[in-house]
């Protein structure tokens, strides 16, 4: 976007009423605290039954999200409790730090599967959008800004609700899975490149490579050092099953792996999740991503894993979808990104 923009505080409307929701009947709303991670994790499990049955967020992930320096649970979070004292919905409004070209505010959370269709989600999303606009209106930045929420195809009710509140479908993200018993043969590594397991000594160089590799991806902004390091502190992060490609001493590609054993029963197999795949621009089109992925898939097999999963933007400009399908990954689910732009 090349046109000159006013500062966000001068172009984002902020509703006068920013109080907590008051309905529907029988529901009490309160703000979140950092101590609510366990409650939210249990609630996320009940949400996943409808939205994404093969996985759910872990307690460690919830604690990490609430502890980031750019998140204030008391201002940015909401919890709905019914007359029996049971949490039935939660929401968090997150503005990732250090934007370079786009200010994003992302709306997380949801309503327990068994409590949908009663107006709780409408109240939650409306409050989140109000809070998102407040955050944007606190900024002097002159960049474009998006408020984003995500909905699974398995649960189209959230997408319908988002559209009624003014969000528009903007992008589609497909979950792909590969049966490692039938995975592709190893792909040769490009000449001049060595592949090594992820090591903490390479962490900052991999972060910089990630930011460079994703610079032309839809909606992507640089990963902050704090967020990058906290991701590595999660028990699910597996350095031994992640790989880094080096040309001399330069990081030119990477695959980052996560494993949550609690998801194995949900998904029906011992699975690994490929959270990030990246190749810096000058090394694209040489088979590097395929070489990294086949090495990671072999490492998965050696570790006794049975399947691999990842998510891809179906319009990714690097042609990633084709790379993954050629390696045996097949689509199993889809999420839609809904957006309001300012």
C-alpha atoms as a PDB file:
ATOM      1  CA  UNK A   1       0.000   0.000   0.000  1.00  0.00           C
ATOM      2  CA  UNK A   2       1.691   3.190  -1.163  1.00  0.00           C
ATOM      3  CA  UNK A   3      -0.829   5.910  -0.339  1.00  0.00           C
ATOM      4  CA  UNK A   4      -0.132   8.182   2.609  1.00  0.00           C
ATOM      5  CA  UNK A   5      -2.137   7.269   5.695  1.00  0.00           C
ATOM      6  CA  UNK A   6      -3.131   9.264   8.730  1.00  0.00           C
ATOM      7  CA  UNK A   7      -1.962   7.999  12.119  1.00  0.00           C
ATOM      8  CA  UNK A   8      -4.141   5.174  13.413  1.00  0.00           C
ATOM      9  CA  UNK A   9      -5.438   7.319  16.260  1.00  0.00           C
ATOM     10  CA  UNK A  10      -6.943   9.677  13.649  1.00  0.00           C
ATOM     11  CA  UNK A  11      -8.606   7.075  11.438  1.00  0.00           C
ATOM     12  CA  UNK A  12      -9.855   4.242  13.688  1.00  0.00           C
ATOM     13  CA  UNK A  13     -13.276   4.884  15.259  1.00  0.00           C
ATOM     14  CA  UNK A  14     -13.581   3.921  18.911  1.00  0.00           C
ATOM     15  CA  UNK A  15     -17.067   3.111  20.268  1.00  0.00           C
ATOM     16  CA  UNK A  16     -18.164   5.108  23.278  1.00  0.00           C
ATOM     17  CA  UNK A  17     -19.301   1.995  25.169  1.00  0.00           C
ATOM     18  CA  UNK A  18     -16.342  -0.194  26.119  1.00  0.00           C
ATOM     19  CA  UNK A  19     -17.822  -1.855  29.204  1.00  0.00           C
ATOM     20  CA  UNK A  20     -17.999  -5.618  29.740  1.00  0.00           C
ATOM     21  CA  UNK A  21     -20.887  -7.489  28.115  1.00  0.00           C
ATOM     22  CA  UNK A  22     -24.081  -7.839  30.175  1.00  0.00           C
ATOM     23  CA  UNK A  23     -25.759 -10.726  28.381  1.00  0.00           C
ATOM     24  CA  UNK A  24     -27.063 -13.209  27.633  1.00  0.00           C
ATOM     25  CA  UNK A  25     -29.049 -14.007  30.753  1.00  0.00           C
ATOM     26  CA  UNK A  26     -27.251 -16.243  33.224  1.00  0.00           C
ATOM     27  CA  UNK A  27     -23.748 -15.339  32.016  1.00  0.00           C
ATOM     28  CA  UNK A  28     -21.296 -13.344  34.113  1.00  0.00           C
ATOM     29  CA  UNK A  29     -18.338 -11.704  32.383  1.00  0.00           C
ATOM     30  CA  UNK A  30     -15.027 -10.747  33.974  1.00  0.00           C
ATOM     31  CA  UNK A  31     -11.564  -9.789  32.771  1.00  0.00           C
ATOM     32  CA  UNK A  32      -8.757 -12.319  32.655  1.00  0.00           C
ATOM     33  CA  UNK A  33      -5.792 -12.672  34.976  1.00  0.00           C
ATOM     34  CA  UNK A  34      -2.456 -14.389  34.426  1.00  0.00           C
ATOM     35  CA  UNK A  35      -3.696 -17.102  36.832  1.00  0.00           C
ATOM     36  CA  UNK A  36      -6.505 -18.112  34.460  1.00  0.00           C
ATOM     37  CA  UNK A  37      -4.282 -20.218  32.186  1.00  0.00           C
ATOM     38  CA  UNK A  38      -5.516 -23.521  33.620  1.00  0.00           C
ATOM     39  CA  UNK A  39      -9.173 -22.509  33.310  1.00  0.00           C
ATOM     40  CA  UNK A  40      -8.641 -21.399  29.716  1.00  0.00           C
ATOM     41  CA  UNK A  41      -6.783 -24.605  28.834  1.00  0.00           C
ATOM     42  CA  UNK A  42      -9.711 -26.724  30.053  1.00  0.00           C
ATOM     43  CA  UNK A  43     -12.115 -24.499  28.154  1.00  0.00           C
ATOM     44  CA  UNK A  44      -9.970 -24.710  25.010  1.00  0.00           C
ATOM     45  CA  UNK A  45     -10.324 -28.490  25.157  1.00  0.00           C
ATOM     46  CA  UNK A  46     -14.119 -28.146  25.037  1.00  0.00           C
ATOM     47  CA  UNK A  47     -13.819 -25.682  22.149  1.00  0.00           C
ATOM     48  CA  UNK A  48     -11.531 -28.024  20.194  1.00  0.00           C
ATOM     49  CA  UNK A  49     -14.169 -30.760  20.126  1.00  0.00           C
ATOM     50  CA  UNK A  50     -16.046 -28.667  17.585  1.00  0.00           C
ATOM     51  CA  UNK A  51     -13.344 -26.588  15.904  1.00  0.00           C
ATOM     52  CA  UNK A  52     -10.287 -28.858  15.603  1.00  0.00           C
ATOM     53  CA  UNK A  53     -10.780 -32.308  17.184  1.00  0.00           C
ATOM     54  CA  UNK A  54      -7.212 -33.522  16.542  1.00  0.00           C
ATOM     55  CA  UNK A  55      -5.439 -30.914  18.699  1.00  0.00           C
ATOM     56  CA  UNK A  56      -5.853 -28.451  21.532  1.00  0.00           C
ATOM     57  CA  UNK A  57      -3.745 -25.800  23.240  1.00  0.00           C
ATOM     58  CA  UNK A  58      -1.540 -26.859  26.155  1.00  0.00           C
ATOM     59  CA  UNK A  59      -1.287 -25.261  29.586  1.00  0.00           C
ATOM     60  CA  UNK A  60       2.278 -24.204  28.790  1.00  0.00           C
ATOM     61  CA  UNK A  61       1.109 -22.442  25.634  1.00  0.00           C
ATOM     62  CA  UNK A  62      -1.632 -20.607  27.514  1.00  0.00           C
ATOM     63  CA  UNK A  63       0.767 -19.526  30.245  1.00  0.00           C
ATOM     64  CA  UNK A  64       3.217 -18.286  27.609  1.00  0.00           C
ATOM     65  CA  UNK A  65       0.527 -16.298  25.770  1.00  0.00           C
ATOM     66  CA  UNK A  66      -0.676 -14.571  28.945  1.00  0.00           C
ATOM     67  CA  UNK A  67       2.867 -13.744  30.091  1.00  0.00           C
ATOM     68  CA  UNK A  68       4.101 -11.892  27.005  1.00  0.00           C
ATOM     69  CA  UNK A  69       5.154  -8.322  27.718  1.00  0.00           C
ATOM     70  CA  UNK A  70       2.729  -6.985  25.078  1.00  0.00           C
ATOM     71  CA  UNK A  71      -0.322  -8.731  26.628  1.00  0.00           C
ATOM     72  CA  UNK A  72      -2.276  -7.247  29.529  1.00  0.00           C
ATOM     73  CA  UNK A  73      -4.857  -9.907  30.506  1.00  0.00           C
ATOM     74  CA  UNK A  74      -6.871  -7.480  32.630  1.00  0.00           C
ATOM     75  CA  UNK A  75      -7.353  -5.073  29.705  1.00  0.00           C
ATOM     76  CA  UNK A  76      -7.143  -7.459  26.767  1.00  0.00           C
ATOM     77  CA  UNK A  77      -8.888 -10.601  28.008  1.00  0.00           C
ATOM     78  CA  UNK A  78     -12.386 -11.739  28.890  1.00  0.00           C
ATOM     79  CA  UNK A  79     -13.944 -14.799  30.533  1.00  0.00           C
ATOM     80  CA  UNK A  80     -17.623 -15.827  30.561  1.00  0.00           C
ATOM     81  CA  UNK A  81     -18.920 -17.884  33.483  1.00  0.00           C
ATOM     82  CA  UNK A  82     -22.360 -19.474  33.763  1.00  0.00           C
ATOM     83  CA  UNK A  83     -24.650 -19.695  36.815  1.00  0.00           C
ATOM     84  CA  UNK A  84     -22.938 -22.921  37.916  1.00  0.00           C
ATOM     85  CA  UNK A  85     -19.525 -21.256  37.966  1.00  0.00           C
ATOM     86  CA  UNK A  86     -18.328 -23.006  34.793  1.00  0.00           C
ATOM     87  CA  UNK A  87     -16.243 -21.082  32.263  1.00  0.00           C
ATOM     88  CA  UNK A  88     -18.047 -21.187  28.910  1.00  0.00           C
ATOM     89  CA  UNK A  89     -16.142 -18.668  26.737  1.00  0.00           C
ATOM     90  CA  UNK A  90     -12.890 -16.755  26.677  1.00  0.00           C
ATOM     91  CA  UNK A  91     -11.238 -14.152  24.509  1.00  0.00           C
ATOM     92  CA  UNK A  92      -7.898 -12.390  24.196  1.00  0.00           C
ATOM     93  CA  UNK A  93      -7.001  -9.384  22.039  1.00  0.00           C
ATOM     94  CA  UNK A  94      -3.339  -9.439  20.998  1.00  0.00           C
ATOM     95  CA  UNK A  95      -1.347  -6.795  19.121  1.00  0.00           C
ATOM     96  CA  UNK A  96       2.026  -8.388  18.264  1.00  0.00           C
ATOM     97  CA  UNK A  97       4.957  -6.025  18.847  1.00  0.00           C
ATOM     98  CA  UNK A  98       7.331  -4.237  16.464  1.00  0.00           C
ATOM     99  CA  UNK A  99       5.313  -4.060  13.236  1.00  0.00           C
ATOM    100  CA  UNK A 100       7.272  -3.038  10.137  1.00  0.00           C
ATOM    101  CA  UNK A 101       4.600  -2.530   7.496  1.00  0.00           C
ATOM    102  CA  UNK A 102       1.301  -3.701   8.999  1.00  0.00           C
ATOM    103  CA  UNK A 103      -0.302  -3.339  12.425  1.00  0.00           C
ATOM    104  CA  UNK A 104      -2.187  -6.505  13.344  1.00  0.00           C
ATOM    105  CA  UNK A 105      -4.597  -7.123  16.188  1.00  0.00           C
ATOM    106  CA  UNK A 106      -5.535 -10.799  16.512  1.00  0.00           C
ATOM    107  CA  UNK A 107      -8.625 -12.061  18.329  1.00  0.00           C
ATOM    108  CA  UNK A 108      -8.156 -15.397  20.098  1.00  0.00           C
ATOM    109  CA  UNK A 109     -10.640 -17.502  22.048  1.00  0.00           C
ATOM    110  CA  UNK A 110     -14.066 -19.005  21.544  1.00  0.00           C
ATOM    111  CA  UNK A 111     -17.190 -20.509  23.073  1.00  0.00           C
ATOM    112  CA  UNK A 112     -17.458 -24.041  24.468  1.00  0.00           C
ATOM    113  CA  UNK A 113     -18.977 -26.296  21.810  1.00  0.00           C
ATOM    114  CA  UNK A 114     -21.943 -27.247  23.973  1.00  0.00           C
ATOM    115  CA  UNK A 115     -22.870 -23.611  24.686  1.00  0.00           C
ATOM    116  CA  UNK A 116     -23.013 -22.165  21.174  1.00  0.00           C
ATOM    117  CA  UNK A 117     -26.063 -20.598  19.558  1.00  0.00           C
ATOM    118  CA  UNK A 118     -27.091 -18.664  22.695  1.00  0.00           C
ATOM    119  CA  UNK A 119     -25.599 -15.233  21.977  1.00  0.00           C
ATOM    120  CA  UNK A 120     -22.393 -15.697  23.993  1.00  0.00           C
ATOM    121  CA  UNK A 121     -20.130 -15.600  20.942  1.00  0.00           C
ATOM    122  CA  UNK A 122     -21.809 -12.461  19.615  1.00  0.00           C
ATOM    123  CA  UNK A 123     -21.155 -10.625  22.893  1.00  0.00           C
ATOM    124  CA  UNK A 124     -17.566 -11.879  23.028  1.00  0.00           C
ATOM    125  CA  UNK A 125     -16.614 -10.949  19.475  1.00  0.00           C
ATOM    126  CA  UNK A 126     -18.240  -7.523  19.713  1.00  0.00           C
ATOM    127  CA  UNK A 127     -16.263  -6.773  22.897  1.00  0.00           C
ATOM    128  CA  UNK A 128     -13.038  -8.012  21.289  1.00  0.00           C
ATOM    129  CA  UNK A 129     -13.541  -5.807  18.231  1.00  0.00           C
ATOM    130  CA  UNK A 130     -14.128  -2.811  20.484  1.00  0.00           C
ATOM    131  CA  UNK A 131     -10.959  -3.558  22.438  1.00  0.00           C
ATOM    132  CA  UNK A 132      -9.023  -4.043  19.181  1.00  0.00           C
ATOM    133  CA  UNK A 133     -10.109  -0.624  17.942  1.00  0.00           C
ATOM    134  CA  UNK A 134      -9.098   0.914  21.265  1.00  0.00           C
ATOM    135  CA  UNK A 135      -5.622  -0.560  20.900  1.00  0.00           C
ATOM    136  CA  UNK A 136      -5.285   0.721  17.351  1.00  0.00           C
ATOM    137  CA  UNK A 137      -6.521   4.182  18.347  1.00  0.00           C
ATOM    138  CA  UNK A 138      -3.721   4.385  20.937  1.00  0.00           C
ATOM    139  CA  UNK A 139      -1.138   4.268  18.128  1.00  0.00           C
ATOM    140  CA  UNK A 140       0.546   7.045  16.150  1.00  0.00           C
ATOM    141  CA  UNK A 141       1.685   4.611  13.455  1.00  0.00           C
ATOM    142  CA  UNK A 142       0.716   5.431   9.867  1.00  0.00           C
ATOM    143  CA  UNK A 143       0.699   1.840   8.592  1.00  0.00           C
ATOM    144  CA  UNK A 144      -2.297  -0.157   7.368  1.00  0.00           C
ATOM    145  CA  UNK A 145      -3.993  -2.049  10.197  1.00  0.00           C
ATOM    146  CA  UNK A 146      -5.958  -5.307  10.317  1.00  0.00           C
ATOM    147  CA  UNK A 147      -8.157  -6.848  12.977  1.00  0.00           C
ATOM    148  CA  UNK A 148      -8.090 -10.621  12.431  1.00  0.00           C
ATOM    149  CA  UNK A 149     -10.116 -13.565  13.665  1.00  0.00           C
ATOM    150  CA  UNK A 150      -9.967 -17.175  12.499  1.00  0.00           C
ATOM    151  CA  UNK A 151     -12.697 -19.772  11.961  1.00  0.00           C
ATOM    152  CA  UNK A 152     -12.461 -23.468  11.166  1.00  0.00           C
ATOM    153  CA  UNK A 153     -14.464 -24.868   8.269  1.00  0.00           C
ATOM    154  CA  UNK A 154     -15.607 -27.530  10.734  1.00  0.00           C
ATOM    155  CA  UNK A 155     -17.342 -24.794  12.750  1.00  0.00           C
ATOM    156  CA  UNK A 156     -18.788 -22.341  10.211  1.00  0.00           C
ATOM    157  CA  UNK A 157     -20.916 -20.627  12.859  1.00  0.00           C
ATOM    158  CA  UNK A 158     -17.945 -18.487  13.907  1.00  0.00           C
ATOM    159  CA  UNK A 159     -17.366 -17.347  10.332  1.00  0.00           C
ATOM    160  CA  UNK A 160     -21.018 -16.417   9.927  1.00  0.00           C
ATOM    161  CA  UNK A 161     -20.909 -14.445  13.162  1.00  0.00           C
ATOM    162  CA  UNK A 162     -17.715 -12.642  12.108  1.00  0.00           C
ATOM    163  CA  UNK A 163     -19.279 -11.621   8.806  1.00  0.00           C
ATOM    164  CA  UNK A 164     -22.384 -10.289  10.550  1.00  0.00           C
ATOM    165  CA  UNK A 165     -20.100  -8.043  12.589  1.00  0.00           C
ATOM    166  CA  UNK A 166     -18.332  -6.692   9.493  1.00  0.00           C
ATOM    167  CA  UNK A 167     -15.392  -9.084   9.048  1.00  0.00           C
ATOM    168  CA  UNK A 168     -14.697 -10.386   5.565  1.00  0.00           C
ATOM    169  CA  UNK A 169     -13.028 -13.687   4.590  1.00  0.00           C
ATOM    170  CA  UNK A 170      -9.515 -12.766   3.505  1.00  0.00           C
ATOM    171  CA  UNK A 171      -7.336 -15.883   3.331  1.00  0.00           C
ATOM    172  CA  UNK A 172      -7.547 -19.655   3.569  1.00  0.00           C
ATOM    173  CA  UNK A 173      -5.154 -21.881   5.500  1.00  0.00           C
ATOM    174  CA  UNK A 174      -5.118 -25.629   4.906  1.00  0.00           C
ATOM    175  CA  UNK A 175      -3.928 -28.290   7.332  1.00  0.00           C
ATOM    176  CA  UNK A 176      -1.939 -31.000   5.554  1.00  0.00           C
ATOM    177  CA  UNK A 177      -0.905 -34.373   6.946  1.00  0.00           C
ATOM    178  CA  UNK A 178       1.488 -37.049   5.700  1.00  0.00           C
ATOM    179  CA  UNK A 179       1.600 -40.721   6.637  1.00  0.00           C
ATOM    180  CA  UNK A 180       5.288 -41.271   7.295  1.00  0.00           C
ATOM    181  CA  UNK A 181       5.081 -44.924   6.285  1.00  0.00           C
ATOM    182  CA  UNK A 182       4.600 -43.749   2.725  1.00  0.00           C
ATOM    183  CA  UNK A 183       6.652 -40.562   2.862  1.00  0.00           C
ATOM    184  CA  UNK A 184       8.734 -39.358  -0.047  1.00  0.00           C
ATOM    185  CA  UNK A 185      12.315 -40.468  -0.655  1.00  0.00           C
ATOM    186  CA  UNK A 186      15.111 -38.146   0.497  1.00  0.00           C
ATOM    187  CA  UNK A 187      15.639 -35.047  -1.670  1.00  0.00           C
ATOM    188  CA  UNK A 188      19.272 -34.103  -2.400  1.00  0.00           C
ATOM    189  CA  UNK A 189      20.536 -31.047  -0.556  1.00  0.00           C
ATOM    190  CA  UNK A 190      21.618 -28.242  -2.912  1.00  0.00           C
ATOM    191  CA  UNK A 191      25.351 -27.994  -3.478  1.00  0.00           C
ATOM    192  CA  UNK A 192      27.127 -25.841  -0.916  1.00  0.00           C
ATOM    193  CA  UNK A 193      24.489 -26.386   1.791  1.00  0.00           C
ATOM    194  CA  UNK A 194      24.818 -28.388   4.990  1.00  0.00           C
ATOM    195  CA  UNK A 195      21.858 -29.353   7.164  1.00  0.00           C
ATOM    196  CA  UNK A 196      22.201 -29.499  10.950  1.00  0.00           C
ATOM    197  CA  UNK A 197      19.827 -29.900  13.902  1.00  0.00           C
ATOM    198  CA  UNK A 198      18.583 -26.674  15.452  1.00  0.00           C
ATOM    199  CA  UNK A 199      20.906 -25.408  18.175  1.00  0.00           C
ATOM    200  CA  UNK A 200      20.503 -22.470  20.541  1.00  0.00           C
ATOM    201  CA  UNK A 201      23.715 -20.976  19.167  1.00  0.00           C
ATOM    202  CA  UNK A 202      21.902 -20.602  15.821  1.00  0.00           C
ATOM    203  CA  UNK A 203      18.697 -19.197  17.303  1.00  0.00           C
ATOM    204  CA  UNK A 204      19.159 -15.527  16.464  1.00  0.00           C
ATOM    205  CA  UNK A 205      20.399 -16.266  12.958  1.00  0.00           C
ATOM    206  CA  UNK A 206      17.374 -18.515  12.361  1.00  0.00           C
ATOM    207  CA  UNK A 207      15.038 -15.786  13.645  1.00  0.00           C
ATOM    208  CA  UNK A 208      16.566 -13.300  11.215  1.00  0.00           C
ATOM    209  CA  UNK A 209      16.241 -15.843   8.396  1.00  0.00           C
ATOM    210  CA  UNK A 210      12.622 -16.474   9.377  1.00  0.00           C
ATOM    211  CA  UNK A 211      11.856 -12.759   9.221  1.00  0.00           C
ATOM    212  CA  UNK A 212      13.530 -12.487   5.814  1.00  0.00           C
ATOM    213  CA  UNK A 213      11.864 -15.617   4.424  1.00  0.00           C
ATOM    214  CA  UNK A 214       8.384 -14.566   5.522  1.00  0.00           C
ATOM    215  CA  UNK A 215       8.663 -10.899   4.522  1.00  0.00           C
ATOM    216  CA  UNK A 216       6.531 -11.473   1.401  1.00  0.00           C
ATOM    217  CA  UNK A 217       3.978 -13.748   3.108  1.00  0.00           C
ATOM    218  CA  UNK A 218       0.426 -12.514   3.578  1.00  0.00           C
ATOM    219  CA  UNK A 219      -0.011 -10.677   6.882  1.00  0.00           C
ATOM    220  CA  UNK A 220       3.414 -11.666   8.209  1.00  0.00           C
ATOM    221  CA  UNK A 221       5.474  -9.338  10.369  1.00  0.00           C
ATOM    222  CA  UNK A 222       8.883  -9.902  12.001  1.00  0.00           C
ATOM    223  CA  UNK A 223       9.109 -12.300  14.940  1.00  0.00           C
ATOM    224  CA  UNK A 224      10.279 -10.454  18.044  1.00  0.00           C
ATOM    225  CA  UNK A 225      13.213 -11.777  20.019  1.00  0.00           C
ATOM    226  CA  UNK A 226      11.026 -12.228  23.098  1.00  0.00           C
ATOM    227  CA  UNK A 227       8.388 -14.255  21.268  1.00  0.00           C
ATOM    228  CA  UNK A 228      10.991 -16.330  19.428  1.00  0.00           C
ATOM    229  CA  UNK A 229      12.835 -17.257  22.593  1.00  0.00           C
ATOM    230  CA  UNK A 230       9.677 -18.011  24.563  1.00  0.00           C
ATOM    231  CA  UNK A 231       8.555 -20.390  21.784  1.00  0.00           C
ATOM    232  CA  UNK A 232      11.769 -22.338  22.267  1.00  0.00           C
ATOM    233  CA  UNK A 233      11.089 -22.537  25.998  1.00  0.00           C
ATOM    234  CA  UNK A 234       7.900 -24.532  25.502  1.00  0.00           C
ATOM    235  CA  UNK A 235       8.104 -28.296  26.209  1.00  0.00           C
ATOM    236  CA  UNK A 236       6.536 -28.911  22.800  1.00  0.00           C
ATOM    237  CA  UNK A 237       9.485 -27.344  20.944  1.00  0.00           C
ATOM    238  CA  UNK A 238      11.823 -30.049  19.608  1.00  0.00           C
ATOM    239  CA  UNK A 239      15.253 -28.789  18.625  1.00  0.00           C
ATOM    240  CA  UNK A 240      16.409 -32.344  17.903  1.00  0.00           C
ATOM    241  CA  UNK A 241      13.703 -32.794  15.258  1.00  0.00           C
ATOM    242  CA  UNK A 242      14.136 -29.311  13.761  1.00  0.00           C
ATOM    243  CA  UNK A 243      16.639 -28.592  11.010  1.00  0.00           C
ATOM    244  CA  UNK A 244      18.681 -25.604   9.814  1.00  0.00           C
ATOM    245  CA  UNK A 245      20.286 -25.226   6.390  1.00  0.00           C
ATOM    246  CA  UNK A 246      23.628 -23.422   6.263  1.00  0.00           C
ATOM    247  CA  UNK A 247      25.516 -22.039   3.270  1.00  0.00           C
ATOM    248  CA  UNK A 248      28.920 -21.382   4.777  1.00  0.00           C
ATOM    249  CA  UNK A 249      27.827 -19.704   8.038  1.00  0.00           C
ATOM    250  CA  UNK A 250      24.600 -18.179   6.697  1.00  0.00           C
ATOM    251  CA  UNK A 251      21.218 -19.619   7.616  1.00  0.00           C
ATOM    252  CA  UNK A 252      19.345 -20.072   4.326  1.00  0.00           C
ATOM    253  CA  UNK A 253      16.506 -22.355   5.383  1.00  0.00           C
ATOM    254  CA  UNK A 254      14.880 -24.014   8.380  1.00  0.00           C
ATOM    255  CA  UNK A 255      12.153 -26.355   9.591  1.00  0.00           C
ATOM    256  CA  UNK A 256      10.853 -25.947  13.147  1.00  0.00           C
ATOM    257  CA  UNK A 257       9.148 -28.873  14.887  1.00  0.00           C
ATOM    258  CA  UNK A 258       6.696 -29.105  17.770  1.00  0.00           C
ATOM    259  CA  UNK A 259       5.315 -32.225  19.451  1.00  0.00           C
ATOM    260  CA  UNK A 260       2.416 -32.425  21.888  1.00  0.00           C
ATOM    261  CA  UNK A 261       1.932 -36.023  22.982  1.00  0.00           C
ATOM    262  CA  UNK A 262      -1.516 -35.155  24.359  1.00  0.00           C
ATOM    263  CA  UNK A 263      -2.636 -34.750  20.750  1.00  0.00           C
ATOM    264  CA  UNK A 264      -1.671 -38.287  19.775  1.00  0.00           C
ATOM    265  CA  UNK A 265      -4.856 -39.837  21.148  1.00  0.00           C
ATOM    266  CA  UNK A 266      -6.977 -37.058  19.623  1.00  0.00           C
ATOM    267  CA  UNK A 267      -5.413 -37.458  16.190  1.00  0.00           C
ATOM    268  CA  UNK A 268      -5.083 -41.230  16.211  1.00  0.00           C
ATOM    269  CA  UNK A 269      -1.324 -41.371  15.565  1.00  0.00           C
ATOM    270  CA  UNK A 270       2.056 -40.452  16.992  1.00  0.00           C
ATOM    271  CA  UNK A 271       2.415 -37.152  15.153  1.00  0.00           C
ATOM    272  CA  UNK A 272       4.821 -34.269  14.822  1.00  0.00           C
ATOM    273  CA  UNK A 273       3.805 -30.741  13.864  1.00  0.00           C
ATOM    274  CA  UNK A 274       5.924 -28.675  11.500  1.00  0.00           C
ATOM    275  CA  UNK A 275       5.348 -25.166  12.796  1.00  0.00           C
ATOM    276  CA  UNK A 276       7.595 -23.259  10.389  1.00  0.00           C
ATOM    277  CA  UNK A 277       9.208 -23.953   7.035  1.00  0.00           C
ATOM    278  CA  UNK A 278      11.256 -21.221   5.407  1.00  0.00           C
ATOM    279  CA  UNK A 279      13.803 -20.569   2.662  1.00  0.00           C
ATOM    280  CA  UNK A 280      15.403 -17.166   2.175  1.00  0.00           C
ATOM    281  CA  UNK A 281      14.617 -15.589  -1.171  1.00  0.00           C
ATOM    282  CA  UNK A 282      17.994 -16.178  -2.894  1.00  0.00           C
ATOM    283  CA  UNK A 283      17.763 -19.919  -2.224  1.00  0.00           C
ATOM    284  CA  UNK A 284      14.212 -20.534  -3.418  1.00  0.00           C
ATOM    285  CA  UNK A 285      13.600 -22.800  -6.389  1.00  0.00           C
ATOM    286  CA  UNK A 286      16.613 -25.044  -5.689  1.00  0.00           C
ATOM    287  CA  UNK A 287      14.847 -27.842  -3.809  1.00  0.00           C
ATOM    288  CA  UNK A 288      16.068 -26.699  -0.403  1.00  0.00           C
ATOM    289  CA  UNK A 289      12.669 -26.812   1.321  1.00  0.00           C
ATOM    290  CA  UNK A 290      12.056 -30.325  -0.015  1.00  0.00           C
ATOM    291  CA  UNK A 291      15.479 -31.460   1.182  1.00  0.00           C
ATOM    292  CA  UNK A 292      14.897 -30.054   4.651  1.00  0.00           C
ATOM    293  CA  UNK A 293      11.429 -31.570   4.896  1.00  0.00           C
ATOM    294  CA  UNK A 294      12.448 -35.042   3.790  1.00  0.00           C
ATOM    295  CA  UNK A 295      15.285 -35.001   6.325  1.00  0.00           C
ATOM    296  CA  UNK A 296      12.865 -33.918   9.067  1.00  0.00           C
ATOM    297  CA  UNK A 297      10.377 -36.605   8.026  1.00  0.00           C
ATOM    298  CA  UNK A 298      13.138 -39.220   8.255  1.00  0.00           C
ATOM    299  CA  UNK A 299      14.041 -37.898  11.705  1.00  0.00           C
ATOM    300  CA  UNK A 300      10.379 -38.277  12.651  1.00  0.00           C
ATOM    301  CA  UNK A 301      10.388 -41.905  11.504  1.00  0.00           C
ATOM    302  CA  UNK A 302      13.606 -42.598  13.406  1.00  0.00           C
ATOM    303  CA  UNK A 303      11.957 -41.145  16.533  1.00  0.00           C
ATOM    304  CA  UNK A 304       8.998 -43.514  16.156  1.00  0.00           C
ATOM    305  CA  UNK A 305       6.512 -40.962  14.844  1.00  0.00           C
ATOM    306  CA  UNK A 306       3.827 -42.075  12.419  1.00  0.00           C
ATOM    307  CA  UNK A 307       2.620 -38.860  10.817  1.00  0.00           C
ATOM    308  CA  UNK A 308       3.538 -35.233  10.187  1.00  0.00           C
ATOM    309  CA  UNK A 309       1.235 -32.213   9.983  1.00  0.00           C
ATOM    310  CA  UNK A 310       1.613 -28.591   8.951  1.00  0.00           C
ATOM    311  CA  UNK A 311      -0.505 -25.613   7.910  1.00  0.00           C
ATOM    312  CA  UNK A 312      -0.123 -23.651   4.693  1.00  0.00           C
ATOM    313  CA  UNK A 313      -1.543 -20.485   3.198  1.00  0.00           C
ATOM    314  CA  UNK A 314      -3.123 -21.824   0.013  1.00  0.00           C
ATOM    315  CA  UNK A 315      -2.045 -18.665  -1.876  1.00  0.00           C
ATOM    316  CA  UNK A 316       1.519 -18.659  -0.550  1.00  0.00           C
ATOM    317  CA  UNK A 317       3.659 -16.942  -3.239  1.00  0.00           C
ATOM    318  CA  UNK A 318       6.543 -19.404  -2.807  1.00  0.00           C
ATOM    319  CA  UNK A 319       4.551 -22.360  -4.131  1.00  0.00           C
ATOM    320  CA  UNK A 320       4.750 -24.102  -0.770  1.00  0.00           C
ATOM    321  CA  UNK A 321       1.491 -25.993  -1.260  1.00  0.00           C
ATOM    322  CA  UNK A 322       2.908 -27.787  -4.284  1.00  0.00           C
ATOM    323  CA  UNK A 323       6.106 -28.643  -2.405  1.00  0.00           C
ATOM    324  CA  UNK A 324       4.144 -30.256   0.408  1.00  0.00           C
ATOM    325  CA  UNK A 325       1.743 -32.235  -1.772  1.00  0.00           C
ATOM    326  CA  UNK A 326       4.637 -33.642  -3.826  1.00  0.00           C
ATOM    327  CA  UNK A 327       6.108 -34.962  -0.573  1.00  0.00           C
ATOM    328  CA  UNK A 328       2.927 -36.838   0.295  1.00  0.00           C
ATOM    329  CA  UNK A 329       1.044 -34.293   2.397  1.00  0.00           C
ATOM    330  CA  UNK A 330      -2.718 -34.298   1.896  1.00  0.00           C
ATOM    331  CA  UNK A 331      -5.342 -31.759   3.048  1.00  0.00           C
ATOM    332  CA  UNK A 332      -7.378 -32.674   6.121  1.00  0.00           C
ATOM    333  CA  UNK A 333      -8.897 -29.392   7.365  1.00  0.00           C
ATOM    334  CA  UNK A 334      -9.115 -25.685   6.590  1.00  0.00           C
ATOM    335  CA  UNK A 335      -9.284 -22.433   8.539  1.00  0.00           C
ATOM    336  CA  UNK A 336     -10.455 -19.076   7.228  1.00  0.00           C
ATOM    337  CA  UNK A 337      -8.889 -15.768   8.234  1.00  0.00           C
ATOM    338  CA  UNK A 338     -11.501 -13.007   8.621  1.00  0.00           C
ATOM    339  CA  UNK A 339     -10.380  -9.386   8.517  1.00  0.00           C
ATOM    340  CA  UNK A 340     -11.458  -5.810   9.042  1.00  0.00           C
ATOM    341  CA  UNK A 341      -8.944  -3.373   7.539  1.00  0.00           C
ATOM    342  CA  UNK A 342      -8.333   0.212   8.651  1.00  0.00           C
END
